[in-house]
mmCIF file of all heavy atoms, coordinates in Angstrom:
data_MODEL
# 
_entry.id   MODEL 
# 
loop_
_atom_site.group_PDB 
_atom_site.id 
_atom_site.type_symbol 
_atom_site.label_atom_id 
_atom_site.label_alt_id 
_atom_site.label_comp_id 
_atom_site.label_asym_id 
_atom_site.label_entity_id 
_atom_site.label_seq_id 
_atom_site.pdbx_PDB_ins_code 
_atom_site.Cartn_x 
_atom_site.Cartn_y 
_atom_site.Cartn_z 
_atom_site.occupancy 
_atom_site.B_iso_or_equiv 
_atom_site.pdbx_formal_charge 
_atom_site.auth_seq_id 
_atom_site.auth_comp_id 
_atom_site.auth_asym_id 
_atom_site.auth_atom_id 
_atom_site.pdbx_PDB_model_num 
ATOM 1   N N   . SER A 1 1  ? 1.554   -34.014 2.109  1.00 0.00 ? 1  SER A N   1 
ATOM 2   C CA  . SER A 1 1  ? 2.823   -33.669 2.724  1.00 0.00 ? 1  SER A CA  1 
ATOM 3   C C   . SER A 1 1  ? 2.630   -33.427 4.207  1.00 0.00 ? 1  SER A C   1 
ATOM 4   O O   . SER A 1 1  ? 1.524   -33.417 4.724  1.00 0.00 ? 1  SER A O   1 
ATOM 5   C CB  . SER A 1 1  ? 3.398   -32.420 2.062  1.00 0.00 ? 1  SER A CB  1 
ATOM 6   O OG  . SER A 1 1  ? 2.540   -31.324 2.270  1.00 0.00 ? 1  SER A OG  1 
ATOM 7   N N   . THR A 1 2  ? 3.722   -33.202 4.932  1.00 0.00 ? 2  THR A N   1 
ATOM 8   C CA  . THR A 1 2  ? 3.679   -32.992 6.374  1.00 0.00 ? 2  THR A CA  1 
ATOM 9   C C   . THR A 1 2  ? 2.665   -31.939 6.767  1.00 0.00 ? 2  THR A C   1 
ATOM 10  O O   . THR A 1 2  ? 2.478   -30.942 6.078  1.00 0.00 ? 2  THR A O   1 
ATOM 11  C CB  . THR A 1 2  ? 5.081   -32.585 6.879  1.00 0.00 ? 2  THR A CB  1 
ATOM 12  O OG1 . THR A 1 2  ? 4.999   -32.338 8.276  1.00 0.00 ? 2  THR A OG1 1 
ATOM 13  C CG2 . THR A 1 2  ? 5.579   -31.344 6.165  1.00 0.00 ? 2  THR A CG2 1 
ATOM 14  N N   . ASP A 1 3  ? 1.998   -32.141 7.888  1.00 0.00 ? 3  ASP A N   1 
ATOM 15  C CA  . ASP A 1 3  ? 0.901   -31.288 8.332  1.00 0.00 ? 3  ASP A CA  1 
ATOM 16  C C   . ASP A 1 3  ? 1.359   -30.216 9.309  1.00 0.00 ? 3  ASP A C   1 
ATOM 17  O O   . ASP A 1 3  ? 0.574   -29.695 10.072 1.00 0.00 ? 3  ASP A O   1 
ATOM 18  C CB  . ASP A 1 3  ? -0.179  -32.168 8.973  1.00 0.00 ? 3  ASP A CB  1 
ATOM 19  C CG  . ASP A 1 3  ? -1.490  -31.417 9.132  1.00 0.00 ? 3  ASP A CG  1 
ATOM 20  O OD1 . ASP A 1 3  ? -1.726  -30.440 8.391  1.00 0.00 ? 3  ASP A OD1 1 
ATOM 21  O OD2 . ASP A 1 3  ? -2.272  -31.807 10.010 1.00 0.00 ? 3  ASP A OD2 1 
ATOM 22  N N   . ARG A 1 4  ? 2.615   -29.883 9.318  1.00 0.00 ? 4  ARG A N   1 
ATOM 23  C CA  . ARG A 1 4  ? 3.087   -28.854 10.230 1.00 0.00 ? 4  ARG A CA  1 
ATOM 24  C C   . ARG A 1 4  ? 2.659   -27.479 9.753  1.00 0.00 ? 4  ARG A C   1 
ATOM 25  O O   . ARG A 1 4  ? 2.800   -27.147 8.579  1.00 0.00 ? 4  ARG A O   1 
ATOM 26  C CB  . ARG A 1 4  ? 4.616   -28.891 10.327 1.00 0.00 ? 4  ARG A CB  1 
ATOM 27  C CG  . ARG A 1 4  ? 5.137   -30.133 11.017 1.00 0.00 ? 4  ARG A CG  1 
ATOM 28  C CD  . ARG A 1 4  ? 6.646   -30.156 10.967 1.00 0.00 ? 4  ARG A CD  1 
ATOM 29  N NE  . ARG A 1 4  ? 7.113   -30.288 9.586  1.00 0.00 ? 4  ARG A NE  1 
ATOM 30  C CZ  . ARG A 1 4  ? 8.390   -30.392 9.266  1.00 0.00 ? 4  ARG A CZ  1 
ATOM 31  N NH1 . ARG A 1 4  ? 9.326   -30.365 10.198 1.00 0.00 ? 4  ARG A NH1 1 
ATOM 32  N NH2 . ARG A 1 4  ? 8.746   -30.512 7.997  1.00 0.00 ? 4  ARG A NH2 1 
ATOM 33  N N   . PRO A 1 5  ? 2.100   -26.637 10.653 1.00 0.00 ? 5  PRO A N   1 
ATOM 34  C CA  . PRO A 1 5  ? 1.679   -25.305 10.226 1.00 0.00 ? 5  PRO A CA  1 
ATOM 35  C C   . PRO A 1 5  ? 2.873   -24.447 9.857  1.00 0.00 ? 5  PRO A C   1 
ATOM 36  O O   . PRO A 1 5  ? 3.969   -24.625 10.373 1.00 0.00 ? 5  PRO A O   1 
ATOM 37  C CB  . PRO A 1 5  ? 0.960   -24.750 11.465 1.00 0.00 ? 5  PRO A CB  1 
ATOM 38  C CG  . PRO A 1 5  ? 1.557   -25.501 12.615 1.00 0.00 ? 5  PRO A CG  1 
ATOM 39  C CD  . PRO A 1 5  ? 1.865   -26.871 12.078 1.00 0.00 ? 5  PRO A CD  1 
ATOM 40  N N   . GLU A 1 6  ? 2.632   -23.511 8.935  1.00 0.00 ? 6  GLU A N   1 
ATOM 41  C CA  . GLU A 1 6  ? 3.695   -22.609 8.553  1.00 0.00 ? 6  GLU A CA  1 
ATOM 42  C C   . GLU A 1 6  ? 3.976   -21.633 9.689  1.00 0.00 ? 6  GLU A C   1 
ATOM 43  O O   . GLU A 1 6  ? 3.071   -21.234 10.414 1.00 0.00 ? 6  GLU A O   1 
ATOM 44  C CB  . GLU A 1 6  ? 3.300   -21.841 7.294  1.00 0.00 ? 6  GLU A CB  1 
ATOM 45  C CG  . GLU A 1 6  ? 3.123   -22.750 6.103  1.00 0.00 ? 6  GLU A CG  1 
ATOM 46  C CD  . GLU A 1 6  ? 2.855   -21.960 4.843  1.00 0.00 ? 6  GLU A CD  1 
ATOM 47  O OE1 . GLU A 1 6  ? 2.909   -20.731 4.919  1.00 0.00 ? 6  GLU A OE1 1 
ATOM 48  O OE2 . GLU A 1 6  ? 2.606   -22.590 3.813  1.00 0.00 ? 6  GLU A OE2 1 
ATOM 49  N N   . PRO A 1 7  ? 5.220   -21.231 9.882  1.00 0.00 ? 7  PRO A N   1 
ATOM 50  C CA  . PRO A 1 7  ? 5.524   -20.302 10.959 1.00 0.00 ? 7  PRO A CA  1 
ATOM 51  C C   . PRO A 1 7  ? 4.837   -18.973 10.761 1.00 0.00 ? 7  PRO A C   1 
ATOM 52  O O   . PRO A 1 7  ? 4.684   -18.494 9.638  1.00 0.00 ? 7  PRO A O   1 
ATOM 53  C CB  . PRO A 1 7  ? 7.058   -20.144 10.865 1.00 0.00 ? 7  PRO A CB  1 
ATOM 54  C CG  . PRO A 1 7  ? 7.394   -20.549 9.459  1.00 0.00 ? 7  PRO A CG  1 
ATOM 55  C CD  . PRO A 1 7  ? 6.398   -21.584 9.088  1.00 0.00 ? 7  PRO A CD  1 
ATOM 56  N N   . ALA A 1 8  ? 4.377   -18.400 11.858 1.00 0.00 ? 8  ALA A N   1 
ATOM 57  C CA  . ALA A 1 8  ? 3.720   -17.100 11.791 1.00 0.00 ? 8  ALA A CA  1 
ATOM 58  C C   . ALA A 1 8  ? 4.744   -16.023 11.492 1.00 0.00 ? 8  ALA A C   1 
ATOM 59  O O   . ALA A 1 8  ? 5.934   -16.165 11.739 1.00 0.00 ? 8  ALA A O   1 
ATOM 60  C CB  . ALA A 1 8  ? 3.019   -16.805 13.128 1.00 0.00 ? 8  ALA A CB  1 
ATOM 61  N N   . ALA A 1 9  ? 4.244   -14.918 10.933 1.00 0.00 ? 9  ALA A N   1 
ATOM 62  C CA  . ALA A 1 9  ? 5.139   -13.807 10.631 1.00 0.00 ? 9  ALA A CA  1 
ATOM 63  C C   . ALA A 1 9  ? 5.686   -13.209 11.918 1.00 0.00 ? 9  ALA A C   1 
ATOM 64  O O   . ALA A 1 9  ? 5.046   -13.238 12.964 1.00 0.00 ? 9  ALA A O   1 
ATOM 65  C CB  . ALA A 1 9  ? 4.384   -12.749 9.822  1.00 0.00 ? 9  ALA A CB  1 
ATOM 66  N N   . VAL A 1 10 ? 6.871   -12.665 11.830 1.00 0.00 ? 10 VAL A N   1 
ATOM 67  C CA  . VAL A 1 10 ? 7.476   -12.071 13.009 1.00 0.00 ? 10 VAL A CA  1 
ATOM 68  C C   . VAL A 1 10 ? 6.790   -10.765 13.336 1.00 0.00 ? 10 VAL A C   1 
ATOM 69  O O   . VAL A 1 10 ? 6.195   -10.106 12.486 1.00 0.00 ? 10 VAL A O   1 
ATOM 70  C CB  . VAL A 1 10 ? 8.983   -11.828 12.767 1.00 0.00 ? 10 VAL A CB  1 
ATOM 71  C CG1 . VAL A 1 10 ? 9.697   -13.135 12.561 1.00 0.00 ? 10 VAL A CG1 1 
ATOM 72  C CG2 . VAL A 1 10 ? 9.196   -10.915 11.567 1.00 0.00 ? 10 VAL A CG2 1 
ATOM 73  N N   . ALA A 1 11 ? 6.847   -10.376 14.609 1.00 0.00 ? 11 ALA A N   1 
ATOM 74  C CA  . ALA A 1 11 ? 6.244   -9.125  15.035 1.00 0.00 ? 11 ALA A CA  1 
ATOM 75  C C   . ALA A 1 11 ? 6.992   -7.951  14.417 1.00 0.00 ? 11 ALA A C   1 
ATOM 76  O O   . ALA A 1 11 ? 8.196   -8.010  14.185 1.00 0.00 ? 11 ALA A O   1 
ATOM 77  C CB  . ALA A 1 11 ? 6.270   -9.039  16.547 1.00 0.00 ? 11 ALA A CB  1 
ATOM 78  N N   . GLY A 1 12 ? 6.272   -6.880  14.183 1.00 0.00 ? 12 GLY A N   1 
ATOM 79  C CA  . GLY A 1 12 ? 6.902   -5.705  13.611 1.00 0.00 ? 12 GLY A CA  1 
ATOM 80  C C   . GLY A 1 12 ? 5.995   -5.059  12.599 1.00 0.00 ? 12 GLY A C   1 
ATOM 81  O O   . GLY A 1 12 ? 4.790   -5.328  12.563 1.00 0.00 ? 12 GLY A O   1 
ATOM 82  N N   . PRO A 1 13 ? 6.513   -4.189  11.740 1.00 0.00 ? 13 PRO A N   1 
ATOM 83  C CA  . PRO A 1 13 ? 5.678   -3.544  10.734 1.00 0.00 ? 13 PRO A CA  1 
ATOM 84  C C   . PRO A 1 13 ? 4.979   -4.579  9.858  1.00 0.00 ? 13 PRO A C   1 
ATOM 85  O O   . PRO A 1 13 ? 5.572   -5.579  9.471  1.00 0.00 ? 13 PRO A O   1 
ATOM 86  C CB  . PRO A 1 13 ? 6.688   -2.712  9.931  1.00 0.00 ? 13 PRO A CB  1 
ATOM 87  C CG  . PRO A 1 13 ? 7.845   -2.522  10.846 1.00 0.00 ? 13 PRO A CG  1 
ATOM 88  C CD  . PRO A 1 13 ? 7.920   -3.760  11.686 1.00 0.00 ? 13 PRO A CD  1 
ATOM 89  N N   . TRP A 1 14 ? 3.715   -4.334  9.537  1.00 0.00 ? 14 TRP A N   1 
ATOM 90  C CA  . TRP A 1 14 ? 2.964   -5.278  8.724  1.00 0.00 ? 14 TRP A CA  1 
ATOM 91  C C   . TRP A 1 14 ? 3.306   -5.101  7.251  1.00 0.00 ? 14 TRP A C   1 
ATOM 92  O O   . TRP A 1 14 ? 3.754   -4.036  6.821  1.00 0.00 ? 14 TRP A O   1 
ATOM 93  C CB  . TRP A 1 14 ? 1.458   -5.118  8.946  1.00 0.00 ? 14 TRP A CB  1 
ATOM 94  C CG  . TRP A 1 14 ? 0.943   -3.714  8.776  1.00 0.00 ? 14 TRP A CG  1 
ATOM 95  C CD1 . TRP A 1 14 ? 0.744   -2.790  9.748  1.00 0.00 ? 14 TRP A CD1 1 
ATOM 96  C CD2 . TRP A 1 14 ? 0.583   -3.077  7.535  1.00 0.00 ? 14 TRP A CD2 1 
ATOM 97  N NE1 . TRP A 1 14 ? 0.282   -1.618  9.211  1.00 0.00 ? 14 TRP A NE1 1 
ATOM 98  C CE2 . TRP A 1 14 ? 0.170   -1.767  7.852  1.00 0.00 ? 14 TRP A CE2 1 
ATOM 99  C CE3 . TRP A 1 14 ? 0.575   -3.483  6.202  1.00 0.00 ? 14 TRP A CE3 1 
ATOM 100 C CZ2 . TRP A 1 14 ? -0.246  -0.860  6.885  1.00 0.00 ? 14 TRP A CZ2 1 
ATOM 101 C CZ3 . TRP A 1 14 ? 0.160   -2.588  5.236  1.00 0.00 ? 14 TRP A CZ3 1 
ATOM 102 C CH2 . TRP A 1 14 ? -0.251  -1.299  5.571  1.00 0.00 ? 14 TRP A CH2 1 
ATOM 103 N N   . ALA A 1 15 ? 3.083   -6.165  6.505  1.00 0.00 ? 15 ALA A N   1 
ATOM 104 C CA  . ALA A 1 15 ? 3.235   -6.139  5.054  1.00 0.00 ? 15 ALA A CA  1 
ATOM 105 C C   . ALA A 1 15 ? 1.964   -6.699  4.446  1.00 0.00 ? 15 ALA A C   1 
ATOM 106 O O   . ALA A 1 15 ? 1.402   -7.667  4.961  1.00 0.00 ? 15 ALA A O   1 
ATOM 107 C CB  . ALA A 1 15 ? 4.442   -6.969  4.616  1.00 0.00 ? 15 ALA A CB  1 
ATOM 108 N N   . ALA A 1 16 ? 1.470   -6.083  3.379  1.00 0.00 ? 16 ALA A N   1 
ATOM 109 C CA  . ALA A 1 16 ? 0.211   -6.499  2.781  1.00 0.00 ? 16 ALA A CA  1 
ATOM 110 C C   . ALA A 1 16 ? 0.322   -6.492  1.268  1.00 0.00 ? 16 ALA A C   1 
ATOM 111 O O   . ALA A 1 16 ? 1.178   -5.818  0.697  1.00 0.00 ? 16 ALA A O   1 
ATOM 112 C CB  . ALA A 1 16 ? -0.924  -5.575  3.227  1.00 0.00 ? 16 ALA A CB  1 
ATOM 113 N N   . THR A 1 17 ? -0.573  -7.263  0.632  1.00 0.00 ? 17 THR A N   1 
ATOM 114 C CA  . THR A 1 17 ? -0.607  -7.313  -0.822 1.00 0.00 ? 17 THR A CA  1 
ATOM 115 C C   . THR A 1 17 ? -1.729  -6.427  -1.363 1.00 0.00 ? 17 THR A C   1 
ATOM 116 O O   . THR A 1 17 ? -2.216  -6.634  -2.466 1.00 0.00 ? 17 THR A O   1 
ATOM 117 C CB  . THR A 1 17 ? -0.829  -8.762  -1.283 1.00 0.00 ? 17 THR A CB  1 
ATOM 118 O OG1 . THR A 1 17 ? -2.012  -9.283  -0.654 1.00 0.00 ? 17 THR A OG1 1 
ATOM 119 C CG2 . THR A 1 17 ? 0.353   -9.634  -0.933 1.00 0.00 ? 17 THR A CG2 1 
ATOM 120 N N   . LEU A 1 18 ? -2.133  -5.442  -0.591 1.00 0.00 ? 18 LEU A N   1 
ATOM 121 C CA  . LEU A 1 18 ? -3.206  -4.540  -1.004 1.00 0.00 ? 18 LEU A CA  1 
ATOM 122 C C   . LEU A 1 18 ? -2.654  -3.352  -1.781 1.00 0.00 ? 18 LEU A C   1 
ATOM 123 O O   . LEU A 1 18 ? -1.636  -2.780  -1.399 1.00 0.00 ? 18 LEU A O   1 
ATOM 124 C CB  . LEU A 1 18 ? -3.956  -4.022  0.222  1.00 0.00 ? 18 LEU A CB  1 
ATOM 125 C CG  . LEU A 1 18 ? -4.724  -5.036  1.064  1.00 0.00 ? 18 LEU A CG  1 
ATOM 126 C CD1 . LEU A 1 18 ? -5.190  -4.393  2.356  1.00 0.00 ? 18 LEU A CD1 1 
ATOM 127 C CD2 . LEU A 1 18 ? -5.903  -5.581  0.288  1.00 0.00 ? 18 LEU A CD2 1 
ATOM 128 N N   . PRO A 1 19 ? -3.337  -2.944  -2.852 1.00 0.00 ? 19 PRO A N   1 
ATOM 129 C CA  . PRO A 1 19 ? -2.964  -1.692  -3.506 1.00 0.00 ? 19 PRO A CA  1 
ATOM 130 C C   . PRO A 1 19 ? -3.395  -0.523  -2.622 1.00 0.00 ? 19 PRO A C   1 
ATOM 131 O O   . PRO A 1 19 ? -4.196  -0.702  -1.694 1.00 0.00 ? 19 PRO A O   1 
ATOM 132 C CB  . PRO A 1 19 ? -3.750  -1.737  -4.821 1.00 0.00 ? 19 PRO A CB  1 
ATOM 133 C CG  . PRO A 1 19 ? -4.945  -2.579  -4.505 1.00 0.00 ? 19 PRO A CG  1 
ATOM 134 C CD  . PRO A 1 19 ? -4.465  -3.616  -3.531 1.00 0.00 ? 19 PRO A CD  1 
ATOM 135 N N   . PRO A 1 20 ? -2.892  0.676   -2.862 1.00 0.00 ? 20 PRO A N   1 
ATOM 136 C CA  . PRO A 1 20 ? -3.266  1.820   -2.016 1.00 0.00 ? 20 PRO A CA  1 
ATOM 137 C C   . PRO A 1 20 ? -4.769  2.019   -1.881 1.00 0.00 ? 20 PRO A C   1 
ATOM 138 O O   . PRO A 1 20 ? -5.268  2.289   -0.783 1.00 0.00 ? 20 PRO A O   1 
ATOM 139 C CB  . PRO A 1 20 ? -2.603  3.011   -2.736 1.00 0.00 ? 20 PRO A CB  1 
ATOM 140 C CG  . PRO A 1 20 ? -1.422  2.405   -3.432 1.00 0.00 ? 20 PRO A CG  1 
ATOM 141 C CD  . PRO A 1 20 ? -1.869  1.051   -3.869 1.00 0.00 ? 20 PRO A CD  1 
ATOM 142 N N   . ARG A 1 21 ? -5.533  1.874   -2.973 1.00 0.00 ? 21 ARG A N   1 
ATOM 143 C CA  . ARG A 1 21 ? -6.981  2.080   -2.876 1.00 0.00 ? 21 ARG A CA  1 
ATOM 144 C C   . ARG A 1 21 ? -7.641  0.997   -2.034 1.00 0.00 ? 21 ARG A C   1 
ATOM 145 O O   . ARG A 1 21 ? -8.631  1.249   -1.339 1.00 0.00 ? 21 ARG A O   1 
ATOM 146 C CB  . ARG A 1 21 ? -7.607  2.137   -4.270 1.00 0.00 ? 21 ARG A CB  1 
ATOM 147 C CG  . ARG A 1 21 ? -7.455  0.867   -5.090 1.00 0.00 ? 21 ARG A CG  1 
ATOM 148 C CD  . ARG A 1 21 ? -8.084  1.032   -6.467 1.00 0.00 ? 21 ARG A CD  1 
ATOM 149 N NE  . ARG A 1 21 ? -7.993  -0.182  -7.256 1.00 0.00 ? 21 ARG A NE  1 
ATOM 150 C CZ  . ARG A 1 21 ? -6.946  -0.527  -7.988 1.00 0.00 ? 21 ARG A CZ  1 
ATOM 151 N NH1 . ARG A 1 21 ? -5.879  0.278   -8.032 1.00 0.00 ? 21 ARG A NH1 1 
ATOM 152 N NH2 . ARG A 1 21 ? -6.936  -1.655  -8.688 1.00 0.00 ? 21 ARG A NH2 1 
ATOM 153 N N   . GLY A 1 22 ? -7.091  -0.233  -2.106 1.00 0.00 ? 22 GLY A N   1 
ATOM 154 C CA  . GLY A 1 22 ? -7.634  -1.296  -1.272 1.00 0.00 ? 22 GLY A CA  1 
ATOM 155 C C   . GLY A 1 22 ? -7.331  -1.060  0.194  1.00 0.00 ? 22 GLY A C   1 
ATOM 156 O O   . GLY A 1 22 ? -8.182  -1.309  1.068  1.00 0.00 ? 22 GLY A O   1 
ATOM 157 N N   . PHE A 1 23 ? -6.133  -0.588  0.486  1.00 0.00 ? 23 PHE A N   1 
ATOM 158 C CA  . PHE A 1 23 ? -5.771  -0.267  1.865  1.00 0.00 ? 23 PHE A CA  1 
ATOM 159 C C   . PHE A 1 23 ? -6.688  0.816   2.417  1.00 0.00 ? 23 PHE A C   1 
ATOM 160 O O   . PHE A 1 23 ? -7.206  0.715   3.541  1.00 0.00 ? 23 PHE A O   1 
ATOM 161 C CB  . PHE A 1 23 ? -4.310  0.191   1.909  1.00 0.00 ? 23 PHE A CB  1 
ATOM 162 C CG  . PHE A 1 23 ? -3.904  0.811   3.215  1.00 0.00 ? 23 PHE A CG  1 
ATOM 163 C CD1 . PHE A 1 23 ? -3.711  0.030   4.336  1.00 0.00 ? 23 PHE A CD1 1 
ATOM 164 C CD2 . PHE A 1 23 ? -3.699  2.177   3.314  1.00 0.00 ? 23 PHE A CD2 1 
ATOM 165 C CE1 . PHE A 1 23 ? -3.338  0.594   5.540  1.00 0.00 ? 23 PHE A CE1 1 
ATOM 166 C CE2 . PHE A 1 23 ? -3.324  2.757   4.512  1.00 0.00 ? 23 PHE A CE2 1 
ATOM 167 C CZ  . PHE A 1 23 ? -3.137  1.960   5.628  1.00 0.00 ? 23 PHE A CZ  1 
ATOM 168 N N   . ALA A 1 24 ? -6.923  1.881   1.626  1.00 0.00 ? 24 ALA A N   1 
ATOM 169 C CA  . ALA A 1 24 ? -7.791  2.969   2.078  1.00 0.00 ? 24 ALA A CA  1 
ATOM 170 C C   . ALA A 1 24 ? -9.217  2.476   2.281  1.00 0.00 ? 24 ALA A C   1 
ATOM 171 O O   . ALA A 1 24 ? -9.910  2.909   3.217  1.00 0.00 ? 24 ALA A O   1 
ATOM 172 C CB  . ALA A 1 24 ? -7.761  4.109   1.061  1.00 0.00 ? 24 ALA A CB  1 
ATOM 173 N N   . ALA A 1 25 ? -9.674  1.543   1.418  1.00 0.00 ? 25 ALA A N   1 
ATOM 174 C CA  . ALA A 1 25 ? -11.044 1.052   1.512  1.00 0.00 ? 25 ALA A CA  1 
ATOM 175 C C   . ALA A 1 25 ? -11.280 0.254   2.786  1.00 0.00 ? 25 ALA A C   1 
ATOM 176 O O   . ALA A 1 25 ? -12.274 0.461   3.485  1.00 0.00 ? 25 ALA A O   1 
ATOM 177 C CB  . ALA A 1 25 ? -11.375 0.201   0.280  1.00 0.00 ? 25 ALA A CB  1 
ATOM 178 N N   . ILE A 1 26 ? -10.374 -0.684  3.104  1.00 0.00 ? 26 ILE A N   1 
ATOM 179 C CA  . ILE A 1 26 ? -10.609 -1.483  4.302  1.00 0.00 ? 26 ILE A CA  1 
ATOM 180 C C   . ILE A 1 26 ? -10.477 -0.636  5.563  1.00 0.00 ? 26 ILE A C   1 
ATOM 181 O O   . ILE A 1 26 ? -11.150 -0.887  6.565  1.00 0.00 ? 26 ILE A O   1 
ATOM 182 C CB  . ILE A 1 26 ? -9.670  -2.708  4.372  1.00 0.00 ? 26 ILE A CB  1 
ATOM 183 C CG1 . ILE A 1 26 ? -8.206  -2.283  4.488  1.00 0.00 ? 26 ILE A CG1 1 
ATOM 184 C CG2 . ILE A 1 26 ? -9.883  -3.618  3.189  1.00 0.00 ? 26 ILE A CG2 1 
ATOM 185 C CD1 . ILE A 1 26 ? -7.292  -3.428  4.835  1.00 0.00 ? 26 ILE A CD1 1 
ATOM 186 N N   . ARG A 1 27 ? -9.646  0.391   5.521  1.00 0.00 ? 27 ARG A N   1 
ATOM 187 C CA  . ARG A 1 27 ? -9.558  1.306   6.664  1.00 0.00 ? 27 ARG A CA  1 
ATOM 188 C C   . ARG A 1 27 ? -10.885 2.028   6.853  1.00 0.00 ? 27 ARG A C   1 
ATOM 189 O O   . ARG A 1 27 ? -11.350 2.202   7.979  1.00 0.00 ? 27 ARG A O   1 
ATOM 190 C CB  . ARG A 1 27 ? -8.437  2.312   6.428  1.00 0.00 ? 27 ARG A CB  1 
ATOM 191 C CG  . ARG A 1 27 ? -7.035  1.728   6.465  1.00 0.00 ? 27 ARG A CG  1 
ATOM 192 C CD  . ARG A 1 27 ? -6.507  1.635   7.886  1.00 0.00 ? 27 ARG A CD  1 
ATOM 193 N NE  . ARG A 1 27 ? -6.459  2.961   8.494  1.00 0.00 ? 27 ARG A NE  1 
ATOM 194 C CZ  . ARG A 1 27 ? -6.257  3.167   9.797  1.00 0.00 ? 27 ARG A CZ  1 
ATOM 195 N NH1 . ARG A 1 27 ? -6.107  2.142   10.605 1.00 0.00 ? 27 ARG A NH1 1 
ATOM 196 N NH2 . ARG A 1 27 ? -6.209  4.389   10.280 1.00 0.00 ? 27 ARG A NH2 1 
# 
C-alpha cells in the first residue's frame, strides 16, 4: 500500500498503553 508515513500525534498530554506498574518502572 501507499508509503506515506502516518501523521504524528498532536502536541499535548501524552497517552500510553502502559499499566501503572509499567509506567512507574520506566520512570
